[in-house]
Protein backbone atom coordinates (compact mmCIF):
# COMPACT_ATOMS: atom_id res chain seq x y z
CA MET A 1 8.90 17.22 -8.63
CA SER A 2 7.75 14.06 -10.37
CA LEU A 3 6.05 11.34 -8.39
CA PRO A 4 8.35 8.34 -7.75
CA ARG A 5 7.28 4.75 -7.92
CA LEU A 6 5.90 3.78 -4.54
CA ALA A 7 4.78 0.51 -3.06
CA ALA A 8 3.13 -0.75 0.08
CA ILE A 9 2.28 -3.90 1.99
CA ALA A 10 -1.30 -4.35 3.24
CA GLY A 11 -3.32 -6.90 5.16
CA GLY A 12 -6.47 -7.33 7.20
CA ALA A 13 -8.62 -9.58 9.36
CA ALA A 14 -11.29 -11.82 7.89
CA ALA A 15 -14.88 -10.67 7.44
CA ALA A 16 -17.91 -12.04 5.60
CA ILE A 17 -19.90 -10.03 3.06
CA ALA A 18 -23.37 -10.79 1.77
CA TRP A 19 -23.62 -10.02 -1.94
CA GLY A 20 -26.76 -8.19 -2.97
CA ALA A 21 -27.13 -6.43 0.38
CA ALA A 22 -28.63 -2.94 0.38
CA PRO A 23 -26.15 -0.07 -0.09
CA ARG A 24 -24.67 1.23 3.15
CA SER A 25 -25.05 4.70 4.58
CA LEU A 26 -22.16 6.56 6.16
CA GLY A 27 -24.43 8.89 8.06
CA ASP A 28 -24.00 12.64 7.83
CA ASP A 29 -24.29 14.28 4.42
CA PRO A 30 -22.27 16.43 3.84
CA PRO A 31 -19.53 14.56 5.70
CA PRO A 32 -17.86 15.95 8.83
CA PRO A 33 -14.75 18.05 8.09
CA ALA A 34 -11.36 16.40 7.90
CA LEU A 35 -8.64 16.88 10.49
CA VAL A 36 -5.71 18.45 8.60
CA LEU A 37 -2.21 17.38 9.67
CA SER A 38 -0.12 20.52 9.16
CA GLY A 39 3.66 20.61 9.46
CA HIS A 40 5.27 19.18 6.33
CA THR A 41 6.52 21.66 3.72
CA ALA A 42 6.39 19.39 0.65
CA TRP A 43 4.19 16.62 -0.68
CA VAL A 44 3.62 13.52 1.43
CA THR A 45 4.80 10.26 -0.08
CA SER A 46 3.63 7.81 2.59
CA ALA A 47 1.01 7.76 5.34
CA SER A 48 -0.12 4.98 7.66
CA PHE A 49 -1.62 4.15 11.06
CA SER A 50 0.29 2.37 13.79
CA PRO A 51 -1.01 -1.16 14.48
CA ASP A 52 -2.95 0.08 17.52
CA GLY A 53 -4.40 3.03 15.59
CA LYS A 54 -3.16 5.62 18.07
CA THR A 55 -0.35 7.12 15.98
CA ILE A 56 0.03 8.20 12.35
CA LEU A 57 3.29 8.10 10.41
CA THR A 58 3.93 10.32 7.39
CA ALA A 59 6.98 10.62 5.16
CA SER A 60 7.56 13.64 2.97
CA ALA A 61 9.62 15.09 0.15
CA ASP A 62 10.69 17.76 2.67
CA GLY A 63 13.21 15.20 3.98
CA THR A 64 11.42 14.37 7.23
CA ALA A 65 9.00 11.85 8.63
CA ARG A 66 6.52 12.82 11.31
CA LEU A 67 4.57 11.02 13.99
CA TRP A 68 1.12 12.37 14.84
CA ASP A 69 -1.48 11.74 17.51
CA ALA A 70 -4.32 10.08 15.63
CA ALA A 71 -7.00 11.47 17.95
CA SER A 72 -6.02 15.14 17.94
CA GLY A 73 -3.85 15.47 14.83
CA LYS A 74 -1.08 16.97 16.95
CA SER A 75 2.48 16.50 15.67
CA LEU A 76 4.32 14.40 18.24
CA ARG A 77 7.81 13.95 16.80
CA THR A 78 9.77 14.91 13.68
CA LEU A 79 12.22 12.31 12.40
CA SER A 80 15.11 14.24 10.84
CA GLY A 81 18.30 12.71 9.51
CA HIS A 82 17.84 11.91 5.84
CA ALA A 83 19.59 14.15 3.30
CA GLY A 84 16.89 14.64 0.72
CA PRO A 85 13.27 13.66 0.03
CA LEU A 86 11.70 10.61 1.67
CA PHE A 87 9.81 8.14 -0.50
CA ALA A 88 8.64 5.53 2.03
CA GLY A 89 7.85 4.95 5.69
CA VAL A 90 6.34 2.09 7.68
CA PHE A 91 5.72 0.96 11.27
CA SER A 92 7.09 -2.33 12.53
CA PRO A 93 4.36 -4.94 13.23
CA ASP A 94 4.42 -4.16 16.96
CA GLY A 95 4.52 -0.40 16.34
CA SER A 96 7.71 0.15 18.35
CA LEU A 97 9.88 1.05 15.35
CA VAL A 98 9.63 3.12 12.18
CA LEU A 99 11.58 2.44 8.98
CA THR A 100 12.04 5.19 6.38
CA GLY A 101 13.70 5.33 2.96
CA GLY A 102 14.79 8.24 0.83
CA ALA A 103 16.73 9.85 -1.99
CA ASP A 104 19.97 9.77 0.01
CA LYS A 105 20.21 6.03 -0.80
CA THR A 106 19.68 4.99 2.82
CA ALA A 107 16.95 3.52 4.97
CA ARG A 108 16.82 4.57 8.60
CA LEU A 109 15.35 2.92 11.68
CA TRP A 110 13.73 4.98 14.44
CA GLU A 111 12.21 4.40 17.87
CA THR A 112 8.53 5.34 17.78
CA ALA A 113 8.30 6.34 21.44
CA SER A 114 11.28 8.71 21.46
CA GLY A 115 11.84 9.56 17.79
CA LYS A 116 15.50 8.60 18.27
CA GLU A 117 17.33 7.19 15.26
CA ARG A 118 18.32 3.58 15.94
CA GLY A 119 20.55 3.15 12.89
CA ALA A 120 20.90 3.38 9.12
CA PHE A 121 20.96 0.83 6.31
CA PRO A 122 23.41 2.28 3.75
CA GLY A 123 24.88 0.96 0.52
CA HIS A 124 21.88 1.16 -1.80
CA SER A 125 22.59 1.97 -5.45
CA GLY A 126 19.72 4.45 -5.73
CA SER A 127 16.86 6.14 -3.89
CA VAL A 128 15.15 3.82 -1.41
CA VAL A 129 11.56 3.80 -2.69
CA PHE A 130 10.15 0.88 -0.68
CA VAL A 131 10.53 -0.21 2.95
CA GLY A 132 8.75 -2.94 4.87
CA PHE A 133 8.93 -5.47 7.68
CA SER A 134 8.28 -9.19 7.74
CA PRO A 135 5.11 -10.05 9.71
CA ASP A 136 7.18 -11.08 12.74
CA GLY A 137 9.26 -7.90 12.58
CA LYS A 138 12.56 -9.79 12.42
CA ILE A 139 13.42 -8.73 8.86
CA ALA A 140 13.50 -5.23 7.39
CA LEU A 141 13.03 -5.03 3.61
CA THR A 142 14.26 -2.27 1.30
CA GLN A 143 14.17 -1.68 -2.46
CA CYS A 144 15.99 1.05 -4.36
CA GLY A 145 14.72 1.00 -7.94
CA ASP A 146 17.08 -1.73 -9.11
CA HIS A 147 16.54 -5.38 -10.06
CA GLY A 148 16.47 -6.76 -6.51
CA ALA A 149 15.51 -6.25 -2.87
CA THR A 150 17.49 -6.40 0.36
CA PHE A 151 16.83 -8.07 3.71
CA TRP A 152 18.30 -6.47 6.86
CA ASP A 153 18.38 -7.44 10.52
CA PRO A 154 16.66 -4.56 12.37
CA ALA A 155 18.28 -5.66 15.63
CA ASN A 156 21.85 -4.99 14.51
CA GLY A 157 21.60 -3.30 11.10
CA GLN A 158 23.39 -6.10 9.27
CA GLU A 159 22.52 -6.96 5.66
CA LEU A 160 21.08 -10.48 5.54
CA HIS A 161 20.56 -11.08 1.83
CA TYR A 162 20.18 -9.33 -1.51
CA PHE A 163 17.52 -11.00 -3.66
CA VAL A 164 18.21 -10.70 -7.36
CA GLY A 165 16.65 -12.60 -10.25
CA HIS A 166 14.58 -10.11 -12.19
CA SER A 167 16.13 -8.69 -15.36
CA ASP A 168 14.61 -5.24 -14.87
CA VAL A 169 13.43 -2.85 -12.15
CA VAL A 170 11.32 -4.25 -9.30
CA LEU A 171 8.02 -2.34 -9.03
CA GLY A 172 6.08 -4.13 -6.29
CA LEU A 173 6.78 -6.28 -3.21
CA ALA A 174 4.77 -8.14 -0.57
CA PHE A 175 5.42 -10.62 2.22
CA SER A 176 3.08 -13.58 2.60
CA PRO A 177 0.90 -13.33 5.74
CA ASP A 178 2.98 -16.01 7.47
CA GLY A 179 6.25 -14.37 6.42
CA THR A 180 7.66 -17.47 4.72
CA ARG A 181 7.56 -16.06 1.18
CA LEU A 182 8.35 -12.81 -0.60
CA LEU A 183 6.52 -11.75 -3.78
CA THR A 184 8.07 -9.33 -6.28
CA GLY A 185 6.76 -7.80 -9.50
CA SER A 186 8.97 -6.26 -12.16
CA GLN A 187 9.37 -4.24 -15.30
CA ASP A 188 10.56 -7.53 -16.86
CA LEU A 189 6.89 -8.68 -17.24
CA THR A 190 7.13 -11.28 -14.46
CA ALA A 191 6.38 -11.71 -10.79
CA ARG A 192 8.52 -14.01 -8.66
CA LEU A 193 8.08 -15.93 -5.42
CA TRP A 194 11.00 -16.34 -3.03
CA ASP A 195 11.53 -18.62 -0.04
CA VAL A 196 12.45 -16.28 2.81
CA ALA A 197 14.28 -18.83 4.97
CA ALA A 198 16.17 -20.49 2.10
CA ARG A 199 16.83 -17.09 0.45
CA LYS A 200 16.04 -18.45 -3.01
CA GLU A 201 13.60 -18.00 -5.88
CA THR A 202 10.93 -20.70 -6.03
CA ARG A 203 8.52 -19.65 -8.81
CA VAL A 204 8.43 -17.33 -11.81
CA LEU A 205 4.92 -16.06 -12.62
CA ALA A 206 5.00 -15.33 -16.35
CA GLY A 207 2.09 -14.39 -18.59
CA HIS A 208 1.59 -10.63 -18.49
CA ALA A 209 2.28 -8.77 -21.75
CA GLU A 210 3.58 -5.65 -19.98
CA PHE A 211 5.32 -4.73 -16.72
CA VAL A 212 3.97 -6.02 -13.40
CA SER A 213 3.16 -2.86 -11.48
CA CYS A 214 1.67 -4.19 -8.23
CA VAL A 215 1.38 -7.45 -6.28
CA ALA A 216 -0.53 -8.81 -3.28
CA PHE A 217 -1.04 -12.01 -1.29
CA SER A 218 -4.53 -13.09 -0.24
CA PRO A 219 -5.15 -12.97 3.53
CA ALA A 220 -4.76 -16.75 3.81
CA GLY A 221 -1.64 -16.70 1.64
CA ARG A 222 -2.96 -19.26 -0.85
CA LEU A 223 -3.40 -16.84 -3.76
CA VAL A 224 -1.32 -14.12 -5.37
CA ALA A 225 -2.65 -11.18 -7.37
CA THR A 226 -0.67 -9.18 -9.91
CA GLY A 227 -1.59 -6.00 -11.78
CA SER A 228 0.05 -4.97 -15.02
CA GLY A 229 0.60 -2.37 -17.67
CA ASP A 230 -1.30 -4.70 -20.00
CA ALA A 231 -4.53 -3.54 -18.26
CA THR A 232 -5.19 -6.94 -16.70
CA ALA A 233 -4.88 -8.44 -13.25
CA ARG A 234 -4.08 -12.10 -12.74
CA LEU A 235 -4.69 -14.56 -9.94
CA TRP A 236 -2.12 -17.27 -9.27
CA ASP A 237 -1.73 -20.28 -7.01
CA ALA A 238 0.83 -19.11 -4.47
CA GLU A 239 2.17 -22.61 -3.86
CA GLY A 240 2.68 -23.92 -7.37
CA GLY A 241 2.75 -20.62 -9.27
CA ARG A 242 -0.02 -21.76 -11.61
CA ALA A 243 -2.04 -19.05 -13.39
CA LEU A 244 -5.68 -19.38 -12.30
CA ARG A 245 -7.61 -16.45 -13.77
CA THR A 246 -7.07 -13.36 -15.91
CA LEU A 247 -9.22 -10.38 -14.93
CA GLU A 248 -10.02 -8.26 -17.98
CA GLY A 249 -12.05 -5.06 -18.19
CA HIS A 250 -9.79 -2.10 -17.42
CA ASN A 251 -8.58 0.17 -20.23
CA GLY A 252 -5.28 1.26 -18.72
CA THR A 253 -2.40 0.22 -16.49
CA ILE A 254 -3.48 -1.33 -13.21
CA ARG A 255 -1.75 0.63 -10.46
CA CYS A 256 -3.01 -1.11 -7.31
CA VAL A 257 -4.54 -4.40 -6.21
CA GLY A 258 -5.97 -5.46 -2.85
CA PHE A 259 -7.86 -8.43 -1.45
CA SER A 260 -10.90 -8.06 0.79
CA PRO A 261 -10.32 -9.15 4.41
CA ASP A 262 -12.12 -12.45 3.78
CA GLY A 263 -10.14 -13.06 0.58
CA LYS A 264 -13.25 -13.55 -1.56
CA ARG A 265 -12.87 -10.39 -3.63
CA LEU A 266 -10.09 -8.46 -5.28
CA ALA A 267 -10.17 -4.72 -5.94
CA THR A 268 -8.10 -3.13 -8.71
CA GLY A 269 -7.40 0.55 -9.49
CA SER A 270 -6.36 1.77 -12.92
CA ASN A 271 -5.13 4.57 -15.12
CA ASP A 272 -8.59 4.46 -16.75
CA GLY A 273 -9.99 6.33 -13.71
CA THR A 274 -11.98 3.40 -12.33
CA ALA A 275 -11.63 0.74 -9.71
CA ARG A 276 -13.21 -2.67 -10.12
CA VAL A 277 -14.25 -5.40 -7.72
CA TRP A 278 -13.82 -9.01 -8.79
CA ASP A 279 -15.12 -12.29 -7.42
CA VAL A 280 -11.98 -14.30 -6.75
CA GLU A 281 -13.56 -17.71 -7.24
CA SER A 282 -15.08 -17.01 -10.67
CA GLY A 283 -12.92 -14.12 -11.89
CA ARG A 284 -16.11 -12.20 -12.68
CA ALA A 285 -16.28 -8.40 -12.27
CA VAL A 286 -19.03 -7.70 -9.74
CA ALA A 287 -18.77 -3.89 -9.51
CA THR A 288 -17.20 -0.98 -11.38
CA LEU A 289 -16.39 2.03 -9.20
CA ALA A 290 -16.70 4.90 -11.68
CA GLY A 291 -16.60 8.60 -10.81
CA HIS A 292 -12.98 9.67 -10.54
CA ARG A 293 -11.73 12.01 -13.27
CA ASP A 294 -8.12 10.77 -13.29
CA TRP A 295 -6.09 7.66 -12.50
CA VAL A 296 -6.73 5.63 -9.36
CA GLY A 297 -3.41 5.02 -7.63
CA GLY A 298 -4.43 3.68 -4.23
CA LEU A 299 -7.21 1.66 -2.64
CA ALA A 300 -8.07 -0.10 0.59
CA PHE A 301 -10.86 -2.25 2.00
CA SER A 302 -12.23 -1.26 5.40
CA PRO A 303 -11.40 -3.74 8.18
CA ASP A 304 -14.96 -5.14 8.08
CA GLY A 305 -14.83 -5.46 4.28
CA TRP A 306 -17.98 -3.42 3.67
CA THR A 307 -16.35 -0.29 2.26
CA ILE A 308 -13.64 0.45 -0.29
CA ALA A 309 -11.62 3.68 -0.32
CA THR A 310 -9.93 4.88 -3.51
CA ALA A 311 -7.34 7.59 -4.07
CA SER A 312 -7.11 9.50 -7.35
CA TRP A 313 -4.94 12.04 -9.09
CA ASP A 314 -8.15 14.11 -9.48
CA ARG A 315 -7.39 15.39 -5.93
CA THR A 316 -10.15 13.37 -4.29
CA ALA A 317 -10.63 10.17 -2.38
CA ARG A 318 -13.91 8.29 -2.56
CA LEU A 319 -15.72 5.79 -0.39
CA TRP A 320 -17.73 3.03 -2.07
CA ASP A 321 -20.10 0.30 -1.01
CA ALA A 322 -18.05 -2.85 -1.55
CA THR A 323 -21.07 -4.96 -2.51
CA SER A 324 -23.12 -2.65 -4.74
CA GLY A 325 -20.36 -0.35 -5.98
CA ALA A 326 -22.39 2.71 -4.95
CA ASN A 327 -20.39 5.90 -4.30
CA LEU A 328 -20.98 6.66 -0.63
CA ARG A 329 -18.88 9.79 -0.25
CA THR A 330 -16.42 11.99 -2.13
CA LEU A 331 -13.68 13.49 0.04
CA GLU A 332 -12.46 16.84 -1.31
CA GLY A 333 -9.91 19.29 0.01
CA HIS A 334 -6.48 18.15 -1.11
CA ALA A 335 -4.47 20.65 -3.17
CA GLY A 336 -2.81 17.89 -5.21
CA GLY A 337 -3.43 14.40 -6.46
CA VAL A 338 -4.23 11.78 -3.82
CA TYR A 339 -2.40 8.46 -3.94
CA ARG A 340 -2.58 7.11 -0.38
CA VAL A 341 -5.64 5.89 1.56
CA ALA A 342 -5.55 3.92 4.81
CA PHE A 343 -8.31 2.93 7.21
CA ALA A 344 -7.72 3.08 10.94
CA PRO A 345 -7.68 -0.41 12.49
CA ASP A 346 -11.13 0.23 13.97
CA GLY A 347 -12.47 1.37 10.59
CA LYS A 348 -13.82 4.65 11.98
CA ARG A 349 -11.36 7.01 10.25
CA LEU A 350 -9.69 7.26 6.87
CA LEU A 351 -6.24 8.75 6.28
CA THR A 352 -5.48 10.33 2.88
CA ALA A 353 -2.25 11.79 1.50
CA GLY A 354 -0.83 12.92 -1.80
CA ALA A 355 0.91 15.65 -3.75
CA ASP A 356 0.43 18.37 -1.14
CA PRO A 357 1.99 18.88 2.31
CA GLU A 358 -1.14 18.17 4.36
CA PRO A 359 -2.47 14.66 4.99
CA ARG A 360 -6.08 14.54 6.10
CA LEU A 361 -7.92 12.39 8.60
CA TRP A 362 -11.61 11.85 7.84
CA PRO A 363 -14.21 10.58 10.32
CA ILE A 364 -16.41 7.88 8.84
CA GLY A 365 -20.01 7.78 10.01
CA PRO A 366 -22.01 4.74 11.13
CA GLY A 367 -22.78 1.94 8.70
């Protein structure tokens, strides 16, 4: 089965990093073994921690989502109801609900505590490949591989608004940290900003020479980052939509972008097999994370901002020193390409998932 387009929303608390600091140590070498989450029967398309870090959510091409105890790796509940593969899953901001999307052209809402299905959001024109919540949890967001995105009321299942303005497929979405704006990136070479309350487009971010594959807001919401098939990332003023900096250096499509928790750096992952770290203020590349043997499709900063995790189609994840770019650890064991990495909220564990049925939970040693 081919890998569908997938997207995710990320965020984090602020932290300060001292450039030029000595490389970190993660302790034990070789690393402690991973906890393998066994139960799915097909590759895992989505994996994340609950906001309190106690529960893990996975969604799979086997047509189910699962909830796991993050301490023991025990499967707690199986969420069954979709007719076909799942492509996305996410916790609500308070962790009480789970939203999933799949090939049956529906999104479904579930209670985390019981695993009971709360309701379905039908009527999509294609497979639901992205799901998300606004930061206050009052809006559910879905996208189905078309030119728009849909807002739903998770309290009653009613459709609130269908955002359309792009002239081609939407590839990336993100809410601003305060929930007042939505950011979309598209195959039409543009990104767009939308006013959530007014339900209208406010800015078109044009300048990329190829499709916009991924988007992100800075933690303070003042900047927007876009990654593109033109091998560049761009930084934009989130208020006025003005292009600020073009980040050049990759030799292939940029698949993922993410700001550090303090907003001072941006990390990018590319088809060229590297990730890069950029100084947001100057636009200068400060580190190249080289070592993967295939494309880098996922990345995340640790909550304290000191470490970056990358996921690659070479079947490994890697941990890097975010200041020096030193490779701290290579995590091996997956039977397929890895495209999801997520730190636990306390930063002590890393969750990885990809094109095999078994997500893995890795302990991370002391810094």
